[in-house]
């Protein structure tokens, strides 16, 4: 898994769902060994998590999509 799209149904679940998605990608990053995680917020209910070689291994960077 190199990317994951997350859709939020209610504001109450936001942090739990985002943390779960980051944990899944973190496991994938460990096997990749050289990529960090880039999180793009498209709107308040849609996020994309992806492994990125432009993000240092072990780090998560947030980005707001246009």
PDB file of N, CA and C in Angstrom:
ATOM      1  N   UNK A   1       0.840  -1.171   0.000  1.00  0.00           N
ATOM      2  CA  UNK A   1       0.000   0.000   0.000  1.00  0.00           C
ATOM      3  C   UNK A   1       0.890   1.240   0.000  1.00  0.00           C
ATOM      4  N   UNK A   2       0.689   2.095  -0.981  1.00  0.00           N
ATOM      5  CA  UNK A   2       1.479   3.320  -1.054  1.00  0.00           C
ATOM      6  C   UNK A   2       0.639   4.569  -0.892  1.00  0.00           C
ATOM      7  N   UNK A   3      -0.691   4.410  -0.938  1.00  0.00           N
ATOM      8  CA  UNK A   3      -1.559   5.559  -0.697  1.00  0.00           C
ATOM      9  C   UNK A   3      -2.895   5.081  -0.145  1.00  0.00           C
ATOM     10  N   UNK A   4      -3.588   6.021   0.465  1.00  0.00           N
ATOM     11  CA  UNK A   4      -4.850   5.700   1.112  1.00  0.00           C
ATOM     12  C   UNK A   4      -5.714   6.950   1.107  1.00  0.00           C
ATOM     13  N   UNK A   5      -6.940   6.835   0.627  1.00  0.00           N
ATOM     14  CA  UNK A   5      -7.868   7.964   0.670  1.00  0.00           C
ATOM     15  C   UNK A   5      -8.798   7.775   1.860  1.00  0.00           C
ATOM     16  N   UNK A   6      -8.990   8.844   2.618  1.00  0.00           N
ATOM     17  CA  UNK A   6      -9.800   8.796   3.826  1.00  0.00           C
ATOM     18  C   UNK A   6     -10.968   9.760   3.674  1.00  0.00           C
ATOM     19  N   UNK A   7     -12.167   9.245   3.929  1.00  0.00           N
ATOM     20  CA  UNK A   7     -13.370  10.071   3.906  1.00  0.00           C
ATOM     21  C   UNK A   7     -13.943  10.119   5.319  1.00  0.00           C
ATOM     22  N   UNK A   8     -14.223  11.305   5.793  1.00  0.00           N
ATOM     23  CA  UNK A   8     -14.726  11.505   7.148  1.00  0.00           C
ATOM     24  C   UNK A   8     -16.230  11.752   7.075  1.00  0.00           C
ATOM     25  N   UNK A   9     -17.000  10.963   7.833  1.00  0.00           N
ATOM     26  CA  UNK A   9     -18.452  11.120   7.834  1.00  0.00           C
ATOM     27  C   UNK A   9     -18.935  12.130   8.868  1.00  0.00           C
ATOM     28  N   UNK A  10     -18.291  12.130  10.040  1.00  0.00           N
ATOM     29  CA  UNK A  10     -18.699  13.047  11.106  1.00  0.00           C
ATOM     30  C   UNK A  10     -17.463  13.686  11.723  1.00  0.00           C
ATOM     31  N   UNK A  11     -17.577  14.921  12.190  1.00  0.00           N
ATOM     32  CA  UNK A  11     -16.421  15.588  12.800  1.00  0.00           C
ATOM     33  C   UNK A  11     -15.866  14.834  14.010  1.00  0.00           C
ATOM     34  N   UNK A  12     -16.719  14.111  14.715  1.00  0.00           N
ATOM     35  CA  UNK A  12     -16.282  13.387  15.913  1.00  0.00           C
ATOM     36  C   UNK A  12     -15.266  12.292  15.601  1.00  0.00           C
ATOM     37  N   UNK A  13     -15.310  11.740  14.403  1.00  0.00           N
ATOM     38  CA  UNK A  13     -14.408  10.640  14.058  1.00  0.00           C
ATOM     39  C   UNK A  13     -13.105  11.112  13.409  1.00  0.00           C
ATOM     40  N   UNK A  14     -12.960  12.402  13.186  1.00  0.00           N
ATOM     41  CA  UNK A  14     -11.824  12.942  12.429  1.00  0.00           C
ATOM     42  C   UNK A  14     -10.482  12.438  12.941  1.00  0.00           C
ATOM     43  N   UNK A  15     -10.152  12.718  14.192  1.00  0.00           N
ATOM     44  CA  UNK A  15      -8.816  12.383  14.692  1.00  0.00           C
ATOM     45  C   UNK A  15      -8.578  10.883  14.759  1.00  0.00           C
ATOM     46  N   UNK A  16      -9.589  10.125  15.142  1.00  0.00           N
ATOM     47  CA  UNK A  16      -9.423   8.674  15.219  1.00  0.00           C
ATOM     48  C   UNK A  16      -9.136   8.075  13.844  1.00  0.00           C
ATOM     49  N   UNK A  17      -9.901   8.474  12.853  1.00  0.00           N
ATOM     50  CA  UNK A  17      -9.733   7.924  11.504  1.00  0.00           C
ATOM     51  C   UNK A  17      -8.398   8.362  10.902  1.00  0.00           C
ATOM     52  N   UNK A  18      -8.023   9.627  11.093  1.00  0.00           N
ATOM     53  CA  UNK A  18      -6.738  10.094  10.561  1.00  0.00           C
ATOM     54  C   UNK A  18      -5.569   9.381  11.234  1.00  0.00           C
ATOM     55  N   UNK A  19      -5.648   9.165  12.543  1.00  0.00           N
ATOM     56  CA  UNK A  19      -4.579   8.450  13.245  1.00  0.00           C
ATOM     57  C   UNK A  19      -4.462   7.009  12.768  1.00  0.00           C
ATOM     58  N   UNK A  20      -5.594   6.360  12.526  1.00  0.00           N
ATOM     59  CA  UNK A  20      -5.568   4.982  12.021  1.00  0.00           C
ATOM     60  C   UNK A  20      -4.940   4.923  10.630  1.00  0.00           C
ATOM     61  N   UNK A  21      -5.290   5.870   9.776  1.00  0.00           N
ATOM     62  CA  UNK A  21      -4.726   5.900   8.425  1.00  0.00           C
ATOM     63  C   UNK A  21      -3.219   6.130   8.474  1.00  0.00           C
ATOM     64  N   UNK A  22      -2.776   7.041   9.334  1.00  0.00           N
ATOM     65  CA  UNK A  22      -1.339   7.293   9.447  1.00  0.00           C
ATOM     66  C   UNK A  22      -0.604   6.053   9.953  1.00  0.00           C
ATOM     67  N   UNK A  23      -1.198   5.342  10.896  1.00  0.00           N
ATOM     68  CA  UNK A  23      -0.571   4.124  11.417  1.00  0.00           C
ATOM     69  C   UNK A  23      -0.419   3.068  10.321  1.00  0.00           C
ATOM     70  N   UNK A  24      -1.428   2.919   9.473  1.00  0.00           N
ATOM     71  CA  UNK A  24      -1.338   1.955   8.368  1.00  0.00           C
ATOM     72  C   UNK A  24      -0.216   2.330   7.400  1.00  0.00           C
ATOM     73  N   UNK A  25      -0.133   3.611   7.048  1.00  0.00           N
ATOM     74  CA  UNK A  25       0.919   4.046   6.118  1.00  0.00           C
ATOM     75  C   UNK A  25       2.293   3.981   6.774  1.00  0.00           C
ATOM     76  N   UNK A  26       2.359   4.193   8.070  1.00  0.00           N
ATOM     77  CA  UNK A  26       3.642   4.100   8.774  1.00  0.00           C
ATOM     78  C   UNK A  26       4.189   2.679   8.665  1.00  0.00           C
ATOM     79  N   UNK A  27       3.307   1.680   8.779  1.00  0.00           N
ATOM     80  CA  UNK A  27       3.740   0.288   8.615  1.00  0.00           C
ATOM     81  C   UNK A  27       4.268   0.056   7.206  1.00  0.00           C
ATOM     82  N   UNK A  28       3.580   0.592   6.209  1.00  0.00           N
ATOM     83  CA  UNK A  28       4.040   0.454   4.822  1.00  0.00           C
ATOM     84  C   UNK A  28       5.368   1.177   4.624  1.00  0.00           C
ATOM     85  N   UNK A  29       5.536   2.330   5.261  1.00  0.00           N
ATOM     86  CA  UNK A  29       6.788   3.089   5.140  1.00  0.00           C
ATOM     87  C   UNK A  29       7.959   2.301   5.709  1.00  0.00           C
ATOM     88  N   UNK A  30       7.721   1.540   6.751  1.00  0.00           N
ATOM     89  CA  UNK A  30       8.793   0.740   7.347  1.00  0.00           C
ATOM     90  C   UNK A  30       9.319  -0.291   6.351  1.00  0.00           C
ATOM     91  N   UNK A  31       8.457  -0.873   5.543  1.00  0.00           N
ATOM     92  CA  UNK A  31       8.924  -1.848   4.556  1.00  0.00           C
ATOM     93  C   UNK A  31       9.570  -1.148   3.367  1.00  0.00           C
ATOM     94  N   UNK A  32       9.107   0.049   3.044  1.00  0.00           N
ATOM     95  CA  UNK A  32       9.681   0.832   1.941  1.00  0.00           C
ATOM     96  C   UNK A  32      11.071   1.319   2.334  1.00  0.00           C
ATOM     97  N   UNK A  33      11.192   1.789   3.576  1.00  0.00           N
ATOM     98  CA  UNK A  33      12.490   2.149   4.133  1.00  0.00           C
ATOM     99  C   UNK A  33      13.071   3.492   3.766  1.00  0.00           C
ATOM    100  N   UNK A  34      12.470   4.215   2.828  1.00  0.00           N
ATOM    101  CA  UNK A  34      13.082   5.491   2.452  1.00  0.00           C
ATOM    102  C   UNK A  34      12.062   6.596   2.206  1.00  0.00           C
ATOM    103  N   UNK A  35      10.819   6.346   2.533  1.00  0.00           N
ATOM    104  CA  UNK A  35       9.782   7.344   2.266  1.00  0.00           C
ATOM    105  C   UNK A  35       9.089   7.764   3.550  1.00  0.00           C
ATOM    106  N   UNK A  36       8.707   9.024   3.578  1.00  0.00           N
ATOM    107  CA  UNK A  36       7.880   9.529   4.657  1.00  0.00           C
ATOM    108  C   UNK A  36       6.430   9.536   4.205  1.00  0.00           C
ATOM    109  N   UNK A  37       5.585  10.160   5.000  1.00  0.00           N
ATOM    110  CA  UNK A  37       4.156  10.192   4.702  1.00  0.00           C
ATOM    111  C   UNK A  37       3.732  11.628   4.423  1.00  0.00           C
ATOM    112  N   UNK A  38       3.047  11.805   3.324  1.00  0.00           N
ATOM    113  CA  UNK A  38       2.484  13.112   2.962  1.00  0.00           C
ATOM    114  C   UNK A  38       0.963  13.007   3.076  1.00  0.00           C
ATOM    115  N   UNK A  39       0.377  13.922   3.845  1.00  0.00           N
ATOM    116  CA  UNK A  39      -1.069  13.954   4.038  1.00  0.00           C
ATOM    117  C   UNK A  39      -1.608  15.197   3.345  1.00  0.00           C
ATOM    118  N   UNK A  40      -2.528  15.005   2.421  1.00  0.00           N
ATOM    119  CA  UNK A  40      -3.142  16.130   1.715  1.00  0.00           C
ATOM    120  C   UNK A  40      -4.595  16.254   2.148  1.00  0.00           C
ATOM    121  N   UNK A  41      -4.940  17.446   2.609  1.00  0.00           N
ATOM    122  CA  UNK A  41      -6.328  17.738   2.985  1.00  0.00           C
ATOM    123  C   UNK A  41      -6.994  18.398   1.783  1.00  0.00           C
ATOM    124  N   UNK A  42      -7.911  17.677   1.167  1.00  0.00           N
ATOM    125  CA  UNK A  42      -8.617  18.196  -0.005  1.00  0.00           C
ATOM    126  C   UNK A  42      -9.788  19.078   0.414  1.00  0.00           C
ATOM    127  N   UNK A  43     -10.475  18.646   1.453  1.00  0.00           N
ATOM    128  CA  UNK A  43     -11.553  19.414   2.071  1.00  0.00           C
ATOM    129  C   UNK A  43     -11.753  18.821   3.465  1.00  0.00           C
ATOM    130  N   UNK A  44     -12.632  19.384   4.293  1.00  0.00           N
ATOM    131  CA  UNK A  44     -12.754  18.892   5.672  1.00  0.00           C
ATOM    132  C   UNK A  44     -13.139  17.420   5.808  1.00  0.00           C
ATOM    133  N   UNK A  45     -13.638  16.813   4.749  1.00  0.00           N
ATOM    134  CA  UNK A  45     -14.074  15.420   4.831  1.00  0.00           C
ATOM    135  C   UNK A  45     -13.258  14.466   3.972  1.00  0.00           C
ATOM    136  N   UNK A  46     -12.213  14.946   3.294  1.00  0.00           N
ATOM    137  CA  UNK A  46     -11.441  14.077   2.391  1.00  0.00           C
ATOM    138  C   UNK A  46      -9.949  14.354   2.513  1.00  0.00           C
ATOM    139  N   UNK A  47      -9.200  13.282   2.788  1.00  0.00           N
ATOM    140  CA  UNK A  47      -7.754  13.353   2.956  1.00  0.00           C
ATOM    141  C   UNK A  47      -7.104  12.233   2.151  1.00  0.00           C
ATOM    142  N   UNK A  48      -5.892  12.487   1.669  1.00  0.00           N
ATOM    143  CA  UNK A  48      -5.108  11.451   1.014  1.00  0.00           C
ATOM    144  C   UNK A  48      -3.796  11.296   1.771  1.00  0.00           C
ATOM    145  N   UNK A  49      -3.475  10.059   2.116  1.00  0.00           N
ATOM    146  CA  UNK A  49      -2.206   9.716   2.750  1.00  0.00           C
ATOM    147  C   UNK A  49      -1.395   8.975   1.702  1.00  0.00           C
ATOM    148  N   UNK A  50      -0.129   9.360   1.523  1.00  0.00           N
ATOM    149  CA  UNK A  50       0.697   8.664   0.538  1.00  0.00           C
ATOM    150  C   UNK A  50       2.153   8.635   0.981  1.00  0.00           C
ATOM    151  N   UNK A  51       2.835   7.560   0.596  1.00  0.00           N
ATOM    152  CA  UNK A  51       4.274   7.500   0.815  1.00  0.00           C
ATOM    153  C   UNK A  51       4.924   8.440  -0.190  1.00  0.00           C
ATOM    154  N   UNK A  52       5.906   9.200   0.274  1.00  0.00           N
ATOM    155  CA  UNK A  52       6.543  10.182  -0.602  1.00  0.00           C
ATOM    156  C   UNK A  52       8.042  10.211  -0.353  1.00  0.00           C
ATOM    157  N   UNK A  53       8.808  10.124  -1.439  1.00  0.00           N
ATOM    158  CA  UNK A  53      10.263  10.220  -1.330  1.00  0.00           C
ATOM    159  C   UNK A  53      10.715  11.643  -1.024  1.00  0.00           C
ATOM    160  N   UNK A  54       9.823  12.632  -1.174  1.00  0.00           N
ATOM    161  CA  UNK A  54      10.174  14.019  -0.856  1.00  0.00           C
ATOM    162  C   UNK A  54      10.008  14.329   0.630  1.00  0.00           C
ATOM    163  N   UNK A  55       9.415  13.401   1.369  1.00  0.00           N
ATOM    164  CA  UNK A  55       9.268  13.544   2.821  1.00  0.00           C
ATOM    165  C   UNK A  55      10.288  12.619   3.475  1.00  0.00           C
ATOM    166  N   UNK A  56      11.099  13.131   4.393  1.00  0.00           N
ATOM    167  CA  UNK A  56      12.100  12.277   5.038  1.00  0.00           C
ATOM    168  C   UNK A  56      11.462  11.076   5.748  1.00  0.00           C
ATOM    169  N   UNK A  57      12.150   9.956   5.671  1.00  0.00           N
ATOM    170  CA  UNK A  57      11.696   8.736   6.335  1.00  0.00           C
ATOM    171  C   UNK A  57      11.465   9.024   7.820  1.00  0.00           C
ATOM    172  N   UNK A  58      10.341   8.556   8.330  1.00  0.00           N
ATOM    173  CA  UNK A  58      10.016   8.751   9.736  1.00  0.00           C
ATOM    174  C   UNK A  58       9.227  10.017  10.032  1.00  0.00           C
ATOM    175  N   UNK A  59       8.995  10.832   9.009  1.00  0.00           N
ATOM    176  CA  UNK A  59       8.253  12.075   9.207  1.00  0.00           C
ATOM    177  C   UNK A  59       6.928  12.039   8.459  1.00  0.00           C
ATOM    178  N   UNK A  60       5.990  12.848   8.945  1.00  0.00           N
ATOM    179  CA  UNK A  60       4.703  13.041   8.279  1.00  0.00           C
ATOM    180  C   UNK A  60       4.540  14.529   8.036  1.00  0.00           C
ATOM    181  N   UNK A  61       4.300  14.899   6.783  1.00  0.00           N
ATOM    182  CA  UNK A  61       4.093  16.303   6.413  1.00  0.00           C
ATOM    183  C   UNK A  61       2.663  16.483   5.958  1.00  0.00           C
ATOM    184  N   UNK A  62       2.073  17.590   6.370  1.00  0.00           N
ATOM    185  CA  UNK A  62       0.712  17.917   5.969  1.00  0.00           C
ATOM    186  C   UNK A  62       0.731  18.923   4.830  1.00  0.00           C
ATOM    187  N   UNK A  63      -0.237  18.793   3.946  1.00  0.00           N
ATOM    188  CA  UNK A  63      -0.339  19.667   2.780  1.00  0.00           C
ATOM    189  C   UNK A  63      -1.821  19.923   2.524  1.00  0.00           C
ATOM    190  N   UNK A  64      -2.148  21.124   2.126  1.00  0.00           N
ATOM    191  CA  UNK A  64      -3.525  21.444   1.768  1.00  0.00           C
ATOM    192  C   UNK A  64      -3.633  21.475   0.256  1.00  0.00           C
ATOM    193  N   UNK A  65      -4.494  20.630  -0.292  1.00  0.00           N
ATOM    194  CA  UNK A  65      -4.683  20.569  -1.739  1.00  0.00           C
ATOM    195  C   UNK A  65      -5.461  21.764  -2.241  1.00  0.00           C
ATOM    196  N   UNK A  66      -5.342  22.015  -3.523  1.00  0.00           N
ATOM    197  CA  UNK A  66      -6.051  23.160  -4.126  1.00  0.00           C
ATOM    198  C   UNK A  66      -7.267  22.678  -4.853  1.00  0.00           C
TER     199      UNK A  66
END
